[in-house]
Every structure is written in C-alpha cells, then in structure tokens.
Amino acid sequence: MKQKFIIGDIVEYDNKVMIVKEPRDGCHFDLSCPKEGLVYCLVAVDEIKPIPLTPEILNKNEWEYDGATWIFKKGNISIFILLDDKTYVAHLSVVRVLEFHFVHQLQHLLFNLGIKHEMEV
C-alpha cells in the first residue's frame, strides 16, 4: 500500500526521526532531520516508515490521560482518544472520527481540524 504523507509529517528514515519537507513526483520526498540539521533529497516513499503512536508520544504532546482516555484541548475543540485493541480511536464529542496507528495520521487529524500543533517524538 502506498503511504500518504504531507508536508510536516513526522516519519522515520535511515533510523532517524525526519520531517517531510516537500513531496516530489508522488514517489519521492525531501526530508529534514532537525537533530542533524540536514536535508535528505529524493527519498523513495517505500524507504520512509511511519512512526507508531505511543502513550509516551501523546504524553509529550500535551495530551492528558485520565486512566482510560487521552484528552487534547485546543480552543473550543476537545479530542478524545481511546486505545481499542492496539488501534487508537479519536472522538470529537461523542462522534467517532478516525481510527489510526501512526503519528502522521494524528497530525493529519489535527491539521484537518485547523489545529496548528508541533508534535514531538
């Protein structure tokens, strides 16, 4: 399955945390490694790995845990995430909006809700 990434997605390449800087021809991306201050050009999409979402990553990124649910509040939007058999499930109010496994998928949800939030891994 071809992976869909957009500018700003956090991914893994060459065992390093990278940020997608620019899509090229649909099969290649330019990636930035903030830790090293380097840019990797024309990386093939099949060499890029999504980063699995973990409770530790949620905790680093302003999500609060109440013992059953991860909660993120930004302005008048509250997102609730439940872990359902190794799949994260996001809810807005009582509406189930997304099932996901990876950091970039959560980034897409926040982006689509108009929430600008820098993610840390």
Foldseek 3Di string as FASTA:
>chain_A
DQDDFDFQFWWDAPNATWTFHADDPSQFTWIAGVVVRDIDGGDGRVRIGFAWDDPVQLVVFQWDDPPAWTWDDDDPWIWIWGQDPQWIWIDTPNRTDDIHTGPRVVVVVCVVVVHDGRGDD
